[in-house]
Amino acid sequence: MSTLGATLGTVSPGVVEIAIIPHAAISQQHGFVHAGAVAAMVTAGQTLTVAQSEVFAESGGQEKLVALLTATLMTVEAQEGISD
């Protein structure tokens, strides 16, 4: 999270707020925040993690939903034929 420049906001059961300020190091070729940076802001579970992220842009004290991500991730450890 420090590589992304992320800061932790509200933490409660089932909800974690993480904020980042867009900058070149986490942007894709068109200047938008890279989806990989958004996807990196999830918590790992035992084997399966289902994550949903809502990305808001804030300007002039107003927020606007600019992206929605839903992802299912699977932890794979010590599987024959799979290495880093």
C-alpha atoms as a PDB file:
ATOM      1  CA  MET A   1       0.000   0.000   0.000  1.00  0.00           C
ATOM      2  CA  SER A   2       2.874   2.390   0.637  1.00  0.00           C
ATOM      3  CA  THR A   3       4.068   1.895  -2.976  1.00  0.00           C
ATOM      4  CA  LEU A   4       0.646   3.079  -4.172  1.00  0.00           C
ATOM      5  CA  GLY A   5       0.659   6.007  -1.742  1.00  0.00           C
ATOM      6  CA  ALA A   6      -2.503   4.594  -0.175  1.00  0.00           C
ATOM      7  CA  THR A   7      -3.927   5.695   3.152  1.00  0.00           C
ATOM      8  CA  LEU A   8      -6.308   3.764   5.368  1.00  0.00           C
ATOM      9  CA  GLY A   9      -9.679   5.312   6.189  1.00  0.00           C
ATOM     10  CA  THR A  10     -12.632   3.632   7.868  1.00  0.00           C
ATOM     11  CA  VAL A  11     -12.262   0.001   8.953  1.00  0.00           C
ATOM     12  CA  SER A  12     -15.351  -1.914  10.113  1.00  0.00           C
ATOM     13  CA  PRO A  13     -16.722  -5.454   9.631  1.00  0.00           C
ATOM     14  CA  GLY A  14     -17.021  -6.008   5.872  1.00  0.00           C
ATOM     15  CA  VAL A  15     -15.844  -2.506   4.955  1.00  0.00           C
ATOM     16  CA  VAL A  16     -12.379  -1.048   4.487  1.00  0.00           C
ATOM     17  CA  GLU A  17     -11.813   2.372   2.959  1.00  0.00           C
ATOM     18  CA  ILE A  18      -8.468   2.922   1.246  1.00  0.00           C
ATOM     19  CA  ALA A  19      -7.673   6.222  -0.466  1.00  0.00           C
ATOM     20  CA  ILE A  20      -5.072   6.981  -3.136  1.00  0.00           C
ATOM     21  CA  ILE A  21      -4.251  10.201  -4.918  1.00  0.00           C
ATOM     22  CA  PRO A  22      -3.709   9.518  -8.640  1.00  0.00           C
ATOM     23  CA  HIS A  23      -0.134  10.012  -9.858  1.00  0.00           C
ATOM     24  CA  ALA A  24       1.953   8.928 -12.836  1.00  0.00           C
ATOM     25  CA  ALA A  25       3.467   5.846 -11.181  1.00  0.00           C
ATOM     26  CA  ILE A  26       0.054   4.181 -10.827  1.00  0.00           C
ATOM     27  CA  SER A  27      -1.463   5.389 -14.082  1.00  0.00           C
ATOM     28  CA  GLN A  28      -1.968   3.561 -17.370  1.00  0.00           C
ATOM     29  CA  GLN A  29      -1.077   4.918 -20.811  1.00  0.00           C
ATOM     30  CA  HIS A  30      -4.108   7.230 -21.036  1.00  0.00           C
ATOM     31  CA  GLY A  31      -3.491   8.809 -17.638  1.00  0.00           C
ATOM     32  CA  PHE A  32      -6.200   6.952 -15.718  1.00  0.00           C
ATOM     33  CA  VAL A  33      -5.419   5.028 -12.521  1.00  0.00           C
ATOM     34  CA  HIS A  34      -4.357   1.524 -13.565  1.00  0.00           C
ATOM     35  CA  ALA A  35      -6.836  -1.267 -12.745  1.00  0.00           C
ATOM     36  CA  GLY A  36      -3.961  -3.195 -11.172  1.00  0.00           C
ATOM     37  CA  ALA A  37      -3.583  -0.447  -8.568  1.00  0.00           C
ATOM     38  CA  VAL A  38      -7.303  -0.618  -7.824  1.00  0.00           C
ATOM     39  CA  ALA A  39      -7.257  -4.426  -7.639  1.00  0.00           C
ATOM     40  CA  ALA A  40      -4.273  -4.347  -5.257  1.00  0.00           C
ATOM     41  CA  MET A  41      -6.440  -2.637  -2.619  1.00  0.00           C
ATOM     42  CA  VAL A  42      -8.116  -5.892  -1.366  1.00  0.00           C
ATOM     43  CA  THR A  43      -7.645  -8.130   1.698  1.00  0.00           C
ATOM     44  CA  ALA A  44      -6.664 -11.767   1.275  1.00  0.00           C
ATOM     45  CA  GLY A  45      -8.934 -14.539   2.566  1.00  0.00           C
ATOM     46  CA  GLN A  46      -8.177 -18.231   3.142  1.00  0.00           C
ATOM     47  CA  THR A  47      -8.560 -19.486  -0.445  1.00  0.00           C
ATOM     48  CA  LEU A  48     -11.148 -17.347  -2.233  1.00  0.00           C
ATOM     49  CA  THR A  49     -11.490 -13.612  -1.926  1.00  0.00           C
ATOM     50  CA  VAL A  50     -14.379 -11.722  -3.445  1.00  0.00           C
ATOM     51  CA  ALA A  51     -13.703  -8.032  -3.635  1.00  0.00           C
ATOM     52  CA  GLN A  52     -15.743  -5.090  -4.771  1.00  0.00           C
ATOM     53  CA  SER A  53     -14.266  -1.638  -5.103  1.00  0.00           C
ATOM     54  CA  GLU A  54     -15.993   1.603  -5.856  1.00  0.00           C
ATOM     55  CA  VAL A  55     -13.661   4.354  -7.045  1.00  0.00           C
ATOM     56  CA  PHE A  56     -14.722   7.934  -6.528  1.00  0.00           C
ATOM     57  CA  ALA A  57     -13.139  11.129  -7.837  1.00  0.00           C
ATOM     58  CA  GLU A  58     -13.370  14.074  -5.472  1.00  0.00           C
ATOM     59  CA  SER A  59     -13.422  17.620  -6.762  1.00  0.00           C
ATOM     60  CA  GLY A  60     -14.736  20.786  -5.169  1.00  0.00           C
ATOM     61  CA  GLY A  61     -16.032  18.835  -2.189  1.00  0.00           C
ATOM     62  CA  GLN A  62     -18.165  16.571  -4.387  1.00  0.00           C
ATOM     63  CA  GLU A  63     -17.666  12.881  -5.120  1.00  0.00           C
ATOM     64  CA  LYS A  64     -18.432  11.107  -8.390  1.00  0.00           C
ATOM     65  CA  LEU A  65     -18.362   7.336  -8.965  1.00  0.00           C
ATOM     66  CA  VAL A  66     -15.833   6.769 -11.774  1.00  0.00           C
ATOM     67  CA  ALA A  67     -15.153   3.009 -11.620  1.00  0.00           C
ATOM     68  CA  LEU A  68     -16.599  -0.188 -10.177  1.00  0.00           C
ATOM     69  CA  LEU A  69     -14.536  -3.354  -9.804  1.00  0.00           C
ATOM     70  CA  THR A  70     -15.772  -6.798  -8.815  1.00  0.00           C
ATOM     71  CA  ALA A  71     -13.159  -9.538  -8.681  1.00  0.00           C
ATOM     72  CA  THR A  72     -12.896 -13.116  -7.461  1.00  0.00           C
ATOM     73  CA  LEU A  73      -9.350 -14.115  -6.593  1.00  0.00           C
ATOM     74  CA  MET A  74      -8.020 -17.551  -5.649  1.00  0.00           C
ATOM     75  CA  THR A  75      -4.978 -18.215  -3.504  1.00  0.00           C
ATOM     76  CA  VAL A  76      -2.799 -20.943  -4.996  1.00  0.00           C
ATOM     77  CA  GLU A  77      -0.018 -22.316  -2.800  1.00  0.00           C
ATOM     78  CA  ALA A  78       2.332 -25.283  -3.147  1.00  0.00           C
ATOM     79  CA  GLN A  79       0.694 -26.692  -6.272  1.00  0.00           C
ATOM     80  CA  GLU A  80       2.808 -28.993  -8.411  1.00  0.00           C
ATOM     81  CA  GLY A  81       3.891 -27.266 -11.615  1.00  0.00           C
ATOM     82  CA  ILE A  82       3.090 -23.753 -10.364  1.00  0.00           C
ATOM     83  CA  SER A  83       5.895 -21.422  -9.321  1.00  0.00           C
ATOM     84  CA  ASP A  84       6.521 -17.710  -8.995  1.00  0.00           C
END
